[in-house]
Amino acid sequence: MKGVKKQHLPTKACRTCGRPFTWRKKWERDWEQVLYCSDRCRGGKGKG
């Protein structure tokens, strides 16, 4: 992912709220397992 512009990063939709979120460096090794946009959504307290 080095040298990639922000608008060209992969995105996913959050399972709880449905909002799109983009790839982050800290998720590099486990991007396939990332399902939620935030801790709030992961806890089930988000919208939806």
N, C-alpha and C. Protein backbone atom coordinates (compact mmCIF):
# COMPACT_ATOMS: atom_id res chain seq x y z
N MET A 1 0.81 -1.20 0.00
CA MET A 1 0.00 0.00 0.00
C MET A 1 0.85 1.26 0.00
N LYS A 2 2.13 1.14 0.04
CA LYS A 2 2.99 2.31 0.11
C LYS A 2 2.90 3.14 -1.16
N GLY A 3 2.74 4.43 -1.01
CA GLY A 3 2.67 5.33 -2.15
C GLY A 3 1.31 5.43 -2.81
N VAL A 4 0.27 4.93 -2.17
CA VAL A 4 -1.09 4.97 -2.73
C VAL A 4 -1.80 6.22 -2.21
N LYS A 5 -2.46 6.94 -3.10
CA LYS A 5 -3.21 8.13 -2.70
C LYS A 5 -4.46 7.73 -1.93
N LYS A 6 -4.91 8.61 -1.04
CA LYS A 6 -6.05 8.31 -0.17
C LYS A 6 -7.31 7.94 -0.94
N GLN A 7 -7.55 8.59 -2.06
CA GLN A 7 -8.78 8.29 -2.81
C GLN A 7 -8.74 6.93 -3.49
N HIS A 8 -7.56 6.28 -3.54
CA HIS A 8 -7.43 4.98 -4.18
C HIS A 8 -7.33 3.83 -3.17
N LEU A 9 -7.53 4.10 -1.87
CA LEU A 9 -7.49 3.06 -0.86
C LEU A 9 -8.77 2.24 -0.91
N PRO A 10 -8.69 0.94 -0.56
CA PRO A 10 -9.90 0.12 -0.55
C PRO A 10 -10.88 0.56 0.53
N THR A 11 -12.16 0.33 0.29
CA THR A 11 -13.20 0.69 1.26
C THR A 11 -14.10 -0.52 1.52
N LYS A 12 -14.80 -0.47 2.64
CA LYS A 12 -15.79 -1.48 3.02
C LYS A 12 -16.97 -0.76 3.65
N ALA A 13 -18.09 -1.46 3.75
CA ALA A 13 -19.25 -0.93 4.45
C ALA A 13 -19.32 -1.59 5.83
N CYS A 14 -19.59 -0.80 6.84
CA CYS A 14 -19.70 -1.30 8.21
C CYS A 14 -20.91 -2.22 8.34
N ARG A 15 -20.77 -3.31 9.07
CA ARG A 15 -21.87 -4.25 9.24
C ARG A 15 -23.00 -3.71 10.10
N THR A 16 -22.69 -2.80 11.00
CA THR A 16 -23.72 -2.27 11.90
C THR A 16 -24.45 -1.06 11.30
N CYS A 17 -23.69 -0.05 10.91
CA CYS A 17 -24.33 1.19 10.45
C CYS A 17 -24.37 1.34 8.93
N GLY A 18 -23.58 0.56 8.21
CA GLY A 18 -23.58 0.61 6.76
C GLY A 18 -22.73 1.71 6.15
N ARG A 19 -22.09 2.52 6.98
CA ARG A 19 -21.24 3.60 6.48
C ARG A 19 -19.97 3.02 5.84
N PRO A 20 -19.50 3.65 4.78
CA PRO A 20 -18.24 3.19 4.20
C PRO A 20 -17.05 3.67 5.04
N PHE A 21 -16.04 2.83 5.16
CA PHE A 21 -14.80 3.23 5.82
C PHE A 21 -13.62 2.73 5.00
N THR A 22 -12.50 3.42 5.09
CA THR A 22 -11.35 3.12 4.26
C THR A 22 -10.26 2.39 5.03
N TRP A 23 -9.41 1.76 4.27
CA TRP A 23 -8.26 1.01 4.78
C TRP A 23 -7.37 1.90 5.63
N ARG A 24 -6.83 1.35 6.71
CA ARG A 24 -5.87 2.05 7.56
C ARG A 24 -4.62 1.20 7.70
N LYS A 25 -3.51 1.85 7.89
CA LYS A 25 -2.23 1.16 8.01
C LYS A 25 -2.26 0.12 9.14
N LYS A 26 -2.91 0.44 10.27
CA LYS A 26 -2.94 -0.49 11.39
C LYS A 26 -3.76 -1.76 11.09
N TRP A 27 -4.59 -1.71 10.04
CA TRP A 27 -5.36 -2.88 9.63
C TRP A 27 -4.69 -3.66 8.51
N GLU A 28 -3.45 -3.34 8.18
CA GLU A 28 -2.76 -3.92 7.03
C GLU A 28 -2.76 -5.45 7.04
N ARG A 29 -2.44 -6.06 8.18
CA ARG A 29 -2.33 -7.52 8.25
C ARG A 29 -3.67 -8.23 8.31
N ASP A 30 -4.72 -7.58 8.82
CA ASP A 30 -6.00 -8.26 8.99
C ASP A 30 -7.18 -7.51 8.37
N TRP A 31 -6.97 -6.88 7.23
CA TRP A 31 -8.03 -6.13 6.55
C TRP A 31 -9.23 -7.01 6.22
N GLU A 32 -9.01 -8.27 5.92
CA GLU A 32 -10.11 -9.18 5.58
C GLU A 32 -11.02 -9.43 6.78
N GLN A 33 -10.50 -9.34 8.00
CA GLN A 33 -11.29 -9.59 9.20
C GLN A 33 -11.94 -8.34 9.77
N VAL A 34 -11.57 -7.16 9.28
CA VAL A 34 -12.16 -5.91 9.78
C VAL A 34 -13.59 -5.79 9.24
N LEU A 35 -14.56 -5.68 10.16
CA LEU A 35 -15.97 -5.66 9.75
C LEU A 35 -16.70 -4.39 10.17
N TYR A 36 -16.16 -3.65 11.16
CA TYR A 36 -16.85 -2.51 11.72
C TYR A 36 -16.01 -1.24 11.59
N CYS A 37 -16.67 -0.10 11.48
CA CYS A 37 -15.99 1.17 11.29
C CYS A 37 -15.42 1.74 12.59
N SER A 38 -15.97 1.31 13.74
CA SER A 38 -15.54 1.88 15.02
C SER A 38 -15.79 0.90 16.16
N ASP A 39 -15.26 1.23 17.33
CA ASP A 39 -15.51 0.42 18.53
C ASP A 39 -16.98 0.47 18.91
N ARG A 40 -17.61 1.60 18.70
CA ARG A 40 -19.03 1.74 19.03
C ARG A 40 -19.88 0.76 18.20
N CYS A 41 -19.61 0.65 16.92
CA CYS A 41 -20.35 -0.27 16.07
C CYS A 41 -20.02 -1.73 16.42
N ARG A 42 -18.79 -2.01 16.76
CA ARG A 42 -18.39 -3.36 17.13
C ARG A 42 -19.12 -3.81 18.41
N GLY A 43 -19.36 -2.86 19.29
CA GLY A 43 -20.08 -3.16 20.53
C GLY A 43 -21.58 -3.30 20.36
N GLY A 44 -22.08 -2.99 19.18
CA GLY A 44 -23.50 -3.13 18.91
C GLY A 44 -24.34 -1.94 19.32
N LYS A 45 -23.69 -0.83 19.67
CA LYS A 45 -24.44 0.33 20.13
C LYS A 45 -24.63 1.38 19.04
N GLY A 46 -24.18 1.09 17.83
CA GLY A 46 -24.32 2.04 16.74
C GLY A 46 -25.71 1.99 16.12
N LYS A 47 -25.89 2.76 15.07
CA LYS A 47 -27.17 2.78 14.36
C LYS A 47 -27.41 1.46 13.65
N GLY A 48 -28.65 1.15 13.42
CA GLY A 48 -28.98 0.01 12.60
C GLY A 48 -29.61 -1.07 13.37
